[in-house]
Each structure stands twice: as C-alpha cells, then as structure tokens.
Amino acid sequence: MSAAPALAVEGLHRSFGGIHALDGVSLAVADGERRAIIGPNGAGKTTLFNVLTGEIPPSSGTVRLEGTDVTGLATSDLARRGLARMYQRNELFEPLTARENVALALAAAKGPYRLSRARTSAESAEADVYLERVGLAGRETARARGLSHGERRQLELAIALAQSPRVLLLDEPTAGMSPAETASISRLIGELDRSLTILIVEHDMDVVFRLADRITVLHEGRPIAEGTPAEVRGDRLVNDVYLGKALEA
C-alpha cells in the first residue's frame, strides 16, 4: 500500500452567506511535492489556505495531514502536527531583532513559553542557523522594523522553518518584491530540502513555473485543471479564464 499524501482535501466547501468561496475542492499533495495553487482574484486560494491552517472551519469536507483527519483543528494544533504557513502580510514582532523573532518561534515549537527577551546561547545559536539558511547572516541583531521588504520576507521564511514543519504553505511569498528580491527568495525556496512538502499561492507565473512540480487551478471556488506546469500552460480553459491574462500582465 502506498504512503498517504502529505496533505489531502476532499469535497471541501466553504460558504459565506450565499457566496461559495470553496465549492467542492479535492486535491492530494504527495510527500516532498511542490504544489502551486493559482487562479484569478476571488478564486478561493486564500480561503483554501485559511481552511487548511485552521483559521476558518470548512462548511463541509475533510482535511487530512499525513493520513490523519485534522478537519477543524486549531492553528496551534496543526502547527504541532507539522503544518506551517508564511503569510502574505508581515507577521513579525517589530521591536525585536531578527534573532529574537526566530528564537520565539523555536521556543514556541518546543512547548509552553513565557514571553521574555531573555534567550539562552543555545537558542540564539539555533536561530542564527535559520537566519543564515535564508540569507540573513550578518543581520541577526537588526530589528524587524528596520529590515527591507525583501529581508522581512526572508525572516518570515526563517520563522516558518524554525517550526520544523513537514508541510509549508507559502502565501504570495514574492508579493511586493523587486525582481532581484523575487529571484533571491525563489532560489531559497527552490533549495529547500525535499523532505518538506510545499504549497504555494503566487501570482508571478515565472515563479510558479520555476518552482512547481504540479499546479492546481481554481476558478470561482472550484478546481478547473491540475497537472504539470507544461500541461497547465497548454490547457485552453486555464488560458481563457486566467493564464493568458496573467502572463500578459
């Protein structure tokens, strides 16, 4: 029998009043896979991520993490089970240094933690490893509020990785970045170990086609296509509803 997918959803629905943000979404993401979720604004991508990370419950359907039903679990429970998310909006402790931000994530991943600015040398050393991993060596003592936009995104990636996830959701990781910053963070994501399964929502199609093994296309809350980048690029319906306009933009 084959191993269970790292992440699987079946028949996922989420309604807000009369609006069906998710309308029967099913997908299975293999262990170590890089899966992109694309589609026009309002397609349901952010709602899907919010359901997967426990921020909102589904109206119906199931979510399984490594074969275990985790539907409706709280974000903190899912994090302990190995699911992490890098948000589109900055989620940093602005007055703290880069090192302190990562050290907090490390401490939280190990259990109950009293918020304190005191750090052990071991925590600091471990935090520095993650900062170096995302290209922030030398910026350990810089306060989060003083980092550039690109550096802030790198720090958020370090914080997500510090939680030791097995499944990582990346929500618009290149949003607002310059071409050079986009190239840098794309390279960092591409170099992450294949023991980590990644779902990525991203509007930059160059980034999507560079990173994704497979792509799922959402439109009006429903999957309309799934396949390799080459298959999705050649799909007529996908081009009609989204891809042609996205590439042109």
Foldseek 3Di string as FASTA:
>chain_A
DDWAAQKWWFQFWADDVPATLAGTDTDGHHQLFEEEEEEDPSLNPVVVVCQQQLVDATPDIFMDGRRHTPGNPHNLVVLLVFEFEQEPDQDFPQQAFLLQRQLVLLVVLVDDDDDDSDDDPVSSVVSLVLCVLLPNVVRRRPGLNPDDPLSSLSSSVSSRVSSVHQEYEYEASCPPHDPVSVVSVLVSVQPDDSSHHYYYYHLQVVSVLVRHQKYFYGGSNYTPDIDGPVVLVPDPVCCVRPDVVSVVD
